Amino acid sequence: MLAEVLLPLSLGLGEGASAIADDSFLFVDIHAGRVFESTLDGQSSVLTEFDHSVSAAAMTRCGKHIIAGRHGIKTLDGTMNIPLPVQAHDIRLNDAKADPSGRFVCGTMAEPSRPGAGSLWSFGEHGRQEILDGVTISNGLCWSADGTSMYYIDTPTQRVDCFNYDLDTGQLSNRRPFVHVDERNGGPDGMTIDDEGGLWVALWGGSAVHRYVDGHLDHIVEVPTAFVTSATIVNKTLVITTASEPAPDDPLAGHVFQTAIGVGAPLPHLVDLNRIAG
């Protein structure tokens, strides 16, 4: 299966693809600080542009947009702005998603990356909580249908790990490897989950998205550019972001791609602003 161009945007570092309705989705261009909203018919608009990096965007239960900025989270209307605790100047937020209970779970990394410099943070009823440390490049996040398992990618580990997830507290336990990605296939980056529990993993440097079922490779979507960053499922269509920064001479690098996959997915969870303590 080969993905085709949906949006010829030549993003520098496209990331954070996230469905928001049956035909629309959000994504970002990290270093350009842009947040996009697009539809499957190829219409795209820039919702906002920041003077700092923005690594992910999500919807809230009250219909607002919330973003993971360079050093904290904020709503686009400015009614909420929560910084991370003071950290090294080179630490920034990376991939982020709402958990099933409405918390906003956000990973960090150093830029350029440093082994173990990042963490995974949960913004919820107890404020900012570090729920995992020793992370290098915090990337893909998703939850099982019942919310009791969280799948997670720290890219240099070459794995998708699975944790037990406590919906009441947002805490992690019982970390174990779920999928190992051969280095020859690229590094695991963004990730989404379908209605059948299949994990779709974007492969940085691998020109592909892999689907894993019960930890085993089930399907490959080929992408005609190397640096594949994230994926989401919109009405049985896999939408894929890519990056041009590492491949400036590739005319397809940084475009947003699509392919029909014949399986749907639940819409991503919504952030509950009432649950997030400042």
C-alpha atoms as a PDB file:
ATOM      1  CA  MET A   1       0.000   0.000   0.000  1.00  0.00           C
ATOM      2  CA  LEU A   2       1.428   3.382  -1.052  1.00  0.00           C
ATOM      3  CA  ALA A   3       0.385   6.675   0.506  1.00  0.00           C
ATOM      4  CA  GLU A   4      -0.446   9.600  -1.780  1.00  0.00           C
ATOM      5  CA  VAL A   5      -0.044  13.341  -1.266  1.00  0.00           C
ATOM      6  CA  LEU A   6      -3.032  14.984   0.409  1.00  0.00           C
ATOM      7  CA  LEU A   7      -1.510  18.388   1.241  1.00  0.00           C
ATOM      8  CA  PRO A   8       1.632  19.588  -0.627  1.00  0.00           C
ATOM      9  CA  LEU A   9       2.861  21.818   2.189  1.00  0.00           C
ATOM     10  CA  SER A  10       6.610  21.062   2.484  1.00  0.00           C
ATOM     11  CA  LEU A  11       6.469  21.321   6.282  1.00  0.00           C
ATOM     12  CA  GLY A  12       9.810  21.664   8.017  1.00  0.00           C
ATOM     13  CA  LEU A  13       8.908  19.301  10.845  1.00  0.00           C
ATOM     14  CA  GLY A  14       5.299  18.233  10.400  1.00  0.00           C
ATOM     15  CA  GLU A  15       3.982  16.425  13.476  1.00  0.00           C
ATOM     16  CA  GLY A  16       1.086  15.778  15.802  1.00  0.00           C
ATOM     17  CA  ALA A  17      -1.588  14.568  13.375  1.00  0.00           C
ATOM     18  CA  SER A  18      -4.840  14.196  15.325  1.00  0.00           C
ATOM     19  CA  ALA A  19      -8.373  13.584  14.040  1.00  0.00           C
ATOM     20  CA  ILE A  20     -11.015  15.975  15.397  1.00  0.00           C
ATOM     21  CA  ALA A  21     -14.095  14.934  13.360  1.00  0.00           C
ATOM     22  CA  ASP A  22     -15.172  12.496  10.655  1.00  0.00           C
ATOM     23  CA  ASP A  23     -13.398  14.490   7.959  1.00  0.00           C
ATOM     24  CA  SER A  24     -10.970  16.868   9.684  1.00  0.00           C
ATOM     25  CA  PHE A  25      -7.740  16.800  11.653  1.00  0.00           C
ATOM     26  CA  LEU A  26      -5.089  18.951  13.316  1.00  0.00           C
ATOM     27  CA  PHE A  27      -1.327  18.913  12.854  1.00  0.00           C
ATOM     28  CA  VAL A  28       1.634  21.225  13.482  1.00  0.00           C
ATOM     29  CA  ASP A  29       4.874  22.399  11.925  1.00  0.00           C
ATOM     30  CA  ILE A  30       7.038  22.322  15.042  1.00  0.00           C
ATOM     31  CA  HIS A  31       9.839  24.808  14.461  1.00  0.00           C
ATOM     32  CA  ALA A  32       7.665  27.145  12.379  1.00  0.00           C
ATOM     33  CA  GLY A  33       5.271  27.362  15.348  1.00  0.00           C
ATOM     34  CA  ARG A  34       2.208  26.776  13.142  1.00  0.00           C
ATOM     35  CA  VAL A  35      -0.990  24.901  14.003  1.00  0.00           C
ATOM     36  CA  PHE A  36      -3.062  23.659  11.044  1.00  0.00           C
ATOM     37  CA  GLU A  37      -6.594  22.369  10.641  1.00  0.00           C
ATOM     38  CA  SER A  38      -7.365  20.410   7.477  1.00  0.00           C
ATOM     39  CA  THR A  39      -9.964  18.207   5.839  1.00  0.00           C
ATOM     40  CA  LEU A  40      -9.784  15.058   3.741  1.00  0.00           C
ATOM     41  CA  ASP A  41     -10.775  17.010   0.628  1.00  0.00           C
ATOM     42  CA  GLY A  42      -7.433  18.836   0.752  1.00  0.00           C
ATOM     43  CA  GLN A  43      -8.523  22.104   2.365  1.00  0.00           C
ATOM     44  CA  SER A  44      -6.064  23.449   4.928  1.00  0.00           C
ATOM     45  CA  SER A  45      -5.753  26.572   7.048  1.00  0.00           C
ATOM     46  CA  VAL A  46      -3.318  27.896   9.649  1.00  0.00           C
ATOM     47  CA  LEU A  47      -5.188  28.321  12.932  1.00  0.00           C
ATOM     48  CA  THR A  48      -2.371  30.252  14.571  1.00  0.00           C
ATOM     49  CA  GLU A  49       1.355  30.874  14.439  1.00  0.00           C
ATOM     50  CA  PHE A  50       3.627  31.255  17.458  1.00  0.00           C
ATOM     51  CA  ASP A  51       7.076  32.782  17.886  1.00  0.00           C
ATOM     52  CA  HIS A  52       8.197  29.528  19.505  1.00  0.00           C
ATOM     53  CA  SER A  53       7.972  25.852  18.655  1.00  0.00           C
ATOM     54  CA  VAL A  54       4.652  24.034  19.020  1.00  0.00           C
ATOM     55  CA  SER A  55       4.703  20.266  19.010  1.00  0.00           C
ATOM     56  CA  ALA A  56       1.085  19.096  19.335  1.00  0.00           C
ATOM     57  CA  ALA A  57      -2.488  20.333  19.356  1.00  0.00           C
ATOM     58  CA  ALA A  58      -5.681  18.828  20.751  1.00  0.00           C
ATOM     59  CA  MET A  59      -9.306  19.678  21.394  1.00  0.00           C
ATOM     60  CA  THR A  60     -10.896  20.224  24.780  1.00  0.00           C
ATOM     61  CA  ARG A  61     -14.296  19.073  26.010  1.00  0.00           C
ATOM     62  CA  CYS A  62     -15.524  22.666  25.858  1.00  0.00           C
ATOM     63  CA  GLY A  63     -14.513  23.059  22.211  1.00  0.00           C
ATOM     64  CA  LYS A  64     -11.268  25.004  22.651  1.00  0.00           C
ATOM     65  CA  HIS A  65      -7.911  24.206  21.093  1.00  0.00           C
ATOM     66  CA  ILE A  66      -4.993  23.428  23.414  1.00  0.00           C
ATOM     67  CA  ILE A  67      -1.354  23.177  22.378  1.00  0.00           C
ATOM     68  CA  ALA A  68       1.928  21.863  23.689  1.00  0.00           C
ATOM     69  CA  GLY A  69       4.254  24.822  23.206  1.00  0.00           C
ATOM     70  CA  ARG A  70       7.988  24.920  23.708  1.00  0.00           C
ATOM     71  CA  HIS A  71       7.930  25.134  27.505  1.00  0.00           C
ATOM     72  CA  GLY A  72       4.328  24.533  28.529  1.00  0.00           C
ATOM     73  CA  ILE A  73       0.708  24.098  27.531  1.00  0.00           C
ATOM     74  CA  LYS A  74      -1.816  26.777  26.660  1.00  0.00           C
ATOM     75  CA  THR A  75      -5.232  27.292  25.093  1.00  0.00           C
ATOM     76  CA  LEU A  76      -5.325  29.276  21.880  1.00  0.00           C
ATOM     77  CA  ASP A  77      -7.726  31.809  23.395  1.00  0.00           C
ATOM     78  CA  GLY A  78      -5.216  32.549  26.165  1.00  0.00           C
ATOM     79  CA  THR A  79      -7.460  31.555  29.076  1.00  0.00           C
ATOM     80  CA  MET A  80      -4.995  28.924  30.328  1.00  0.00           C
ATOM     81  CA  ASN A  81      -1.201  28.904  30.254  1.00  0.00           C
ATOM     82  CA  ILE A  82       0.751  26.428  32.411  1.00  0.00           C
ATOM     83  CA  PRO A  83       4.553  26.304  32.080  1.00  0.00           C
ATOM     84  CA  LEU A  84       6.723  23.336  32.836  1.00  0.00           C
ATOM     85  CA  PRO A  85       8.879  23.602  35.950  1.00  0.00           C
ATOM     86  CA  VAL A  86      12.161  25.347  35.242  1.00  0.00           C
ATOM     87  CA  GLN A  87      14.389  22.941  33.337  1.00  0.00           C
ATOM     88  CA  ALA A  88      17.472  23.171  31.131  1.00  0.00           C
ATOM     89  CA  HIS A  89      17.125  25.794  28.401  1.00  0.00           C
ATOM     90  CA  ASP A  90      17.304  23.167  25.658  1.00  0.00           C
ATOM     91  CA  ILE A  91      14.310  21.118  26.891  1.00  0.00           C
ATOM     92  CA  ARG A  92      11.079  21.434  24.892  1.00  0.00           C
ATOM     93  CA  LEU A  93       7.747  19.648  24.762  1.00  0.00           C
ATOM     94  CA  ASN A  94       7.221  17.075  22.022  1.00  0.00           C
ATOM     95  CA  ASP A  95       4.315  14.683  21.343  1.00  0.00           C
ATOM     96  CA  ALA A  96       1.209  15.164  23.513  1.00  0.00           C
ATOM     97  CA  LYS A  97      -2.316  13.715  23.781  1.00  0.00           C
ATOM     98  CA  ALA A  98      -5.295  13.701  26.121  1.00  0.00           C
ATOM     99  CA  ASP A  99      -5.731  10.591  28.243  1.00  0.00           C
ATOM    100  CA  PRO A 100      -9.153   8.899  28.632  1.00  0.00           C
ATOM    101  CA  SER A 101      -9.824  10.883  31.824  1.00  0.00           C
ATOM    102  CA  GLY A 102      -9.122  14.262  30.229  1.00  0.00           C
ATOM    103  CA  ARG A 103      -5.589  14.939  31.438  1.00  0.00           C
ATOM    104  CA  PHE A 104      -3.067  16.317  28.904  1.00  0.00           C
ATOM    105  CA  VAL A 105      -0.055  14.000  28.752  1.00  0.00           C
ATOM    106  CA  CYS A 106       3.024  15.600  27.196  1.00  0.00           C
ATOM    107  CA  GLY A 107       6.561  14.346  26.626  1.00  0.00           C
ATOM    108  CA  THR A 108       9.777  16.356  26.532  1.00  0.00           C
ATOM    109  CA  MET A 109      13.177  16.087  24.888  1.00  0.00           C
ATOM    110  CA  ALA A 110      16.375  18.076  24.639  1.00  0.00           C
ATOM    111  CA  GLU A 111      17.128  19.782  21.343  1.00  0.00           C
ATOM    112  CA  PRO A 112      19.590  18.591  20.172  1.00  0.00           C
ATOM    113  CA  SER A 113      18.704  15.356  21.910  1.00  0.00           C
ATOM    114  CA  ARG A 114      20.599  14.174  24.976  1.00  0.00           C
ATOM    115  CA  PRO A 115      20.185  10.653  26.383  1.00  0.00           C
ATOM    116  CA  GLY A 116      17.777  10.601  29.326  1.00  0.00           C
ATOM    117  CA  ALA A 117      17.185  14.372  29.366  1.00  0.00           C
ATOM    118  CA  GLY A 118      13.438  14.158  28.728  1.00  0.00           C
ATOM    119  CA  SER A 119      10.384  13.152  30.739  1.00  0.00           C
ATOM    120  CA  LEU A 120       6.694  12.400  30.402  1.00  0.00           C
ATOM    121  CA  TRP A 121       4.400  14.876  32.164  1.00  0.00           C
ATOM    122  CA  SER A 122       0.724  14.703  33.059  1.00  0.00           C
ATOM    123  CA  PHE A 123      -1.223  17.953  33.405  1.00  0.00           C
ATOM    124  CA  GLY A 124      -4.231  17.138  35.553  1.00  0.00           C
ATOM    125  CA  GLU A 125      -6.009  17.620  38.825  1.00  0.00           C
ATOM    126  CA  HIS A 126      -2.750  17.572  40.809  1.00  0.00           C
ATOM    127  CA  GLY A 127      -1.012  20.109  38.591  1.00  0.00           C
ATOM    128  CA  ARG A 128       2.078  19.063  36.663  1.00  0.00           C
ATOM    129  CA  GLN A 129       3.225  15.568  37.500  1.00  0.00           C
ATOM    130  CA  GLU A 130       6.297  13.864  36.079  1.00  0.00           C
ATOM    131  CA  ILE A 131       5.097  10.303  35.455  1.00  0.00           C
ATOM    132  CA  LEU A 132       8.190   8.986  33.642  1.00  0.00           C
ATOM    133  CA  ASP A 133      11.795  10.184  33.603  1.00  0.00           C
ATOM    134  CA  GLY A 134      14.980   9.169  31.809  1.00  0.00           C
ATOM    135  CA  VAL A 135      13.396   9.674  28.382  1.00  0.00           C
ATOM    136  CA  THR A 136      15.472  10.721  25.368  1.00  0.00           C
ATOM    137  CA  ILE A 137      12.955  11.564  22.586  1.00  0.00           C
ATOM    138  CA  SER A 138       9.399  11.296  23.896  1.00  0.00           C
ATOM    139  CA  ASN A 139       7.091  10.464  21.007  1.00  0.00           C
ATOM    140  CA  GLY A 140       3.981   8.350  20.273  1.00  0.00           C
ATOM    141  CA  LEU A 141       1.211   7.965  22.847  1.00  0.00           C
ATOM    142  CA  CYS A 142      -2.105   6.103  22.766  1.00  0.00           C
ATOM    143  CA  TRP A 143      -4.412   4.121  25.030  1.00  0.00           C
ATOM    144  CA  SER A 144      -6.265   0.832  24.738  1.00  0.00           C
ATOM    145  CA  ALA A 145     -10.046   0.936  24.261  1.00  0.00           C
ATOM    146  CA  ASP A 146     -10.686   0.452  27.983  1.00  0.00           C
ATOM    147  CA  GLY A 147      -8.012   3.000  28.910  1.00  0.00           C
ATOM    148  CA  THR A 148      -6.123   0.675  31.240  1.00  0.00           C
ATOM    149  CA  SER A 149      -3.083   0.250  28.972  1.00  0.00           C
ATOM    150  CA  MET A 150      -0.917   3.040  27.572  1.00  0.00           C
ATOM    151  CA  TYR A 151       1.383   2.505  24.593  1.00  0.00           C
ATOM    152  CA  TYR A 152       4.435   4.732  24.444  1.00  0.00           C
ATOM    153  CA  ILE A 153       7.471   5.435  22.272  1.00  0.00           C
ATOM    154  CA  ASP A 154      10.839   6.787  23.346  1.00  0.00           C
ATOM    155  CA  THR A 155      12.352   6.745  19.851  1.00  0.00           C
ATOM    156  CA  PRO A 156      15.973   5.678  20.540  1.00  0.00           C
ATOM    157  CA  THR A 157      14.788   2.555  22.378  1.00  0.00           C
ATOM    158  CA  GLN A 158      13.465   1.257  19.008  1.00  0.00           C
ATOM    159  CA  ARG A 159      10.387   0.025  20.902  1.00  0.00           C
ATOM    160  CA  VAL A 160       6.750   0.565  21.580  1.00  0.00           C
ATOM    161  CA  ASP A 161       6.344  -0.080  25.299  1.00  0.00           C
ATOM    162  CA  CYS A 162       3.134  -0.874  27.153  1.00  0.00           C
ATOM    163  CA  PHE A 163       2.269   0.339  30.658  1.00  0.00           C
ATOM    164  CA  ASN A 164      -0.592  -0.359  32.998  1.00  0.00           C
ATOM    165  CA  TYR A 165      -2.461   2.950  33.244  1.00  0.00           C
ATOM    166  CA  ASP A 166      -4.420   4.055  36.317  1.00  0.00           C
ATOM    167  CA  LEU A 167      -7.359   6.094  35.052  1.00  0.00           C
ATOM    168  CA  ASP A 168      -8.024   7.516  38.523  1.00  0.00           C
ATOM    169  CA  THR A 169      -4.523   8.840  39.142  1.00  0.00           C
ATOM    170  CA  GLY A 170      -2.842   8.970  35.717  1.00  0.00           C
ATOM    171  CA  GLN A 171       0.090   6.947  37.037  1.00  0.00           C
ATOM    172  CA  LEU A 172       2.066   4.331  35.097  1.00  0.00           C
ATOM    173  CA  SER A 173       3.239   0.870  36.189  1.00  0.00           C
ATOM    174  CA  ASN A 174       4.469  -2.450  34.835  1.00  0.00           C
ATOM    175  CA  ARG A 175       6.450  -1.202  31.854  1.00  0.00           C
ATOM    176  CA  ARG A 176       7.171  -3.925  29.290  1.00  0.00           C
ATOM    177  CA  PRO A 177       8.247  -4.052  25.629  1.00  0.00           C
ATOM    178  CA  PHE A 178       5.345  -4.512  23.215  1.00  0.00           C
ATOM    179  CA  VAL A 179       6.943  -4.039  19.774  1.00  0.00           C
ATOM    180  CA  HIS A 180      10.581  -3.923  18.680  1.00  0.00           C
ATOM    181  CA  VAL A 181      11.345  -1.985  15.486  1.00  0.00           C
ATOM    182  CA  ASP A 182      14.449  -3.060  13.572  1.00  0.00           C
ATOM    183  CA  GLU A 183      16.788  -0.068  13.121  1.00  0.00           C
ATOM    184  CA  ARG A 184      16.909  -0.821   9.398  1.00  0.00           C
ATOM    185  CA  ASN A 185      13.224   0.143   9.236  1.00  0.00           C
ATOM    186  CA  GLY A 186      13.724   3.567  10.847  1.00  0.00           C
ATOM    187  CA  GLY A 187      12.975   4.939  14.295  1.00  0.00           C
ATOM    188  CA  PRO A 188       9.475   4.727  15.795  1.00  0.00           C
ATOM    189  CA  ASP A 189       7.954   8.203  16.046  1.00  0.00           C
ATOM    190  CA  GLY A 190       4.254   9.125  16.257  1.00  0.00           C
ATOM    191  CA  MET A 191       1.533   6.512  16.747  1.00  0.00           C
ATOM    192  CA  THR A 192      -2.222   6.007  16.662  1.00  0.00           C
ATOM    193  CA  ILE A 193      -4.599   3.139  17.443  1.00  0.00           C
ATOM    194  CA  ASP A 194      -7.538   1.793  15.411  1.00  0.00           C
ATOM    195  CA  ASP A 195     -10.878   0.216  16.302  1.00  0.00           C
ATOM    196  CA  GLU A 196      -9.325  -3.267  16.253  1.00  0.00           C
ATOM    197  CA  GLY A 197      -6.490  -2.366  18.626  1.00  0.00           C
ATOM    198  CA  GLY A 198      -3.930  -2.136  15.820  1.00  0.00           C
ATOM    199  CA  LEU A 199      -1.089   0.315  16.402  1.00  0.00           C
ATOM    200  CA  TRP A 200       0.008   2.426  13.429  1.00  0.00           C
ATOM    201  CA  VAL A 201       3.604   3.569  13.990  1.00  0.00           C
ATOM    202  CA  ALA A 202       5.283   6.277  11.885  1.00  0.00           C
ATOM    203  CA  LEU A 203       8.909   5.460  11.081  1.00  0.00           C
ATOM    204  CA  TRP A 204      11.398   8.342  11.085  1.00  0.00           C
ATOM    205  CA  GLY A 205      13.895   7.654   8.306  1.00  0.00           C
ATOM    206  CA  GLY A 206      11.944   4.556   7.271  1.00  0.00           C
ATOM    207  CA  SER A 207       9.588   5.838   4.550  1.00  0.00           C
ATOM    208  CA  ALA A 208       6.693   3.913   6.067  1.00  0.00           C
ATOM    209  CA  VAL A 209       3.996   3.467   8.670  1.00  0.00           C
ATOM    210  CA  HIS A 210       3.779  -0.011  10.218  1.00  0.00           C
ATOM    211  CA  ARG A 211       0.649  -1.528  11.714  1.00  0.00           C
ATOM    212  CA  TYR A 212       1.159  -3.889  14.658  1.00  0.00           C
ATOM    213  CA  VAL A 213      -1.486  -6.242  16.011  1.00  0.00           C
ATOM    214  CA  ASP A 214      -0.782  -8.020  19.318  1.00  0.00           C
ATOM    215  CA  GLY A 215       2.826  -6.906  18.993  1.00  0.00           C
ATOM    216  CA  HIS A 216       3.356  -8.381  15.516  1.00  0.00           C
ATOM    217  CA  LEU A 217       3.797  -6.564  12.208  1.00  0.00           C
ATOM    218  CA  ASP A 218       0.521  -6.810  10.308  1.00  0.00           C
ATOM    219  CA  HIS A 219       0.658  -4.222   7.537  1.00  0.00           C
ATOM    220  CA  ILE A 220       3.036  -1.736   5.876  1.00  0.00           C
ATOM    221  CA  VAL A 221       2.076   1.592   4.312  1.00  0.00           C
ATOM    222  CA  GLU A 222       4.892   2.909   2.140  1.00  0.00           C
ATOM    223  CA  VAL A 223       5.421   6.679   2.130  1.00  0.00           C
ATOM    224  CA  PRO A 224       7.410   8.232  -0.751  1.00  0.00           C
ATOM    225  CA  THR A 225       9.654  10.303   1.523  1.00  0.00           C
ATOM    226  CA  ALA A 226      11.946   9.196   4.327  1.00  0.00           C
ATOM    227  CA  PHE A 227      11.123  11.173   7.461  1.00  0.00           C
ATOM    228  CA  VAL A 228       7.663  10.044   8.530  1.00  0.00           C
ATOM    229  CA  THR A 229       6.595  11.635  11.809  1.00  0.00           C
ATOM    230  CA  SER A 230       2.995  10.923  12.840  1.00  0.00           C
ATOM    231  CA  ALA A 231      -0.295   9.354  11.785  1.00  0.00           C
ATOM    232  CA  THR A 232      -3.976   9.599  12.608  1.00  0.00           C
ATOM    233  CA  ILE A 233      -7.081   7.857  11.285  1.00  0.00           C
ATOM    234  CA  VAL A 234      -9.847  10.006   9.814  1.00  0.00           C
ATOM    235  CA  ASN A 235     -12.903   8.124   8.538  1.00  0.00           C
ATOM    236  CA  LYS A 236     -10.917   4.969   7.622  1.00  0.00           C
ATOM    237  CA  THR A 237      -8.188   7.068   6.007  1.00  0.00           C
ATOM    238  CA  LEU A 238      -4.676   7.084   7.422  1.00  0.00           C
ATOM    239  CA  VAL A 239      -3.323  10.655   7.435  1.00  0.00           C
ATOM    240  CA  ILE A 240       0.465  10.920   7.695  1.00  0.00           C
ATOM    241  CA  THR A 241       2.779  13.875   8.397  1.00  0.00           C
ATOM    242  CA  THR A 242       6.409  14.084   7.293  1.00  0.00           C
ATOM    243  CA  ALA A 243       9.422  16.378   7.641  1.00  0.00           C
ATOM    244  CA  SER A 244      11.570  18.240   5.113  1.00  0.00           C
ATOM    245  CA  GLU A 245      14.231  19.623   7.459  1.00  0.00           C
ATOM    246  CA  PRO A 246      16.456  16.506   7.188  1.00  0.00           C
ATOM    247  CA  ALA A 247      15.787  16.141   3.426  1.00  0.00           C
ATOM    248  CA  PRO A 248      15.711  19.626   1.846  1.00  0.00           C
ATOM    249  CA  ASP A 249      16.321  18.271  -1.665  1.00  0.00           C
ATOM    250  CA  ASP A 250      13.403  15.814  -1.603  1.00  0.00           C
ATOM    251  CA  PRO A 251      10.415  17.452  -3.364  1.00  0.00           C
ATOM    252  CA  LEU A 252       7.942  15.245  -1.444  1.00  0.00           C
ATOM    253  CA  ALA A 253       9.448  15.786   1.987  1.00  0.00           C
ATOM    254  CA  GLY A 254       7.217  17.655   4.417  1.00  0.00           C
ATOM    255  CA  HIS A 255       3.967  16.905   2.603  1.00  0.00           C
ATOM    256  CA  VAL A 256       0.933  15.397   4.318  1.00  0.00           C
ATOM    257  CA  PHE A 257      -0.075  12.015   2.878  1.00  0.00           C
ATOM    258  CA  GLN A 258      -3.145   9.797   2.960  1.00  0.00           C
ATOM    259  CA  THR A 259      -4.226   6.253   2.159  1.00  0.00           C
ATOM    260  CA  ALA A 260      -7.457   4.298   2.676  1.00  0.00           C
ATOM    261  CA  ILE A 261      -6.983   1.497   5.218  1.00  0.00           C
ATOM    262  CA  GLY A 262     -10.448  -0.036   5.628  1.00  0.00           C
ATOM    263  CA  VAL A 263     -10.535   0.286   9.400  1.00  0.00           C
ATOM    264  CA  GLY A 264     -11.749   3.169  11.520  1.00  0.00           C
ATOM    265  CA  ALA A 265     -10.656   4.563  14.851  1.00  0.00           C
ATOM    266  CA  PRO A 266     -12.201   6.296  17.827  1.00  0.00           C
ATOM    267  CA  LEU A 267     -11.732  10.036  17.885  1.00  0.00           C
ATOM    268  CA  PRO A 268      -8.877  11.051  20.188  1.00  0.00           C
ATOM    269  CA  HIS A 269      -9.763  11.815  23.797  1.00  0.00           C
ATOM    270  CA  LEU A 270     -10.582  15.407  24.706  1.00  0.00           C
ATOM    271  CA  VAL A 271      -8.751  17.481  27.302  1.00  0.00           C
ATOM    272  CA  ASP A 272     -10.911  18.377  30.310  1.00  0.00           C
ATOM    273  CA  LEU A 273      -9.856  21.891  31.291  1.00  0.00           C
ATOM    274  CA  ASN A 274     -11.832  21.582  34.518  1.00  0.00           C
ATOM    275  CA  ARG A 275      -9.525  18.745  35.498  1.00  0.00           C
ATOM    276  CA  ILE A 276      -6.291  20.650  34.954  1.00  0.00           C
ATOM    277  CA  ALA A 277      -5.030  22.523  37.991  1.00  0.00           C
ATOM    278  CA  GLY A 278      -2.871  25.532  37.308  1.00  0.00           C
END
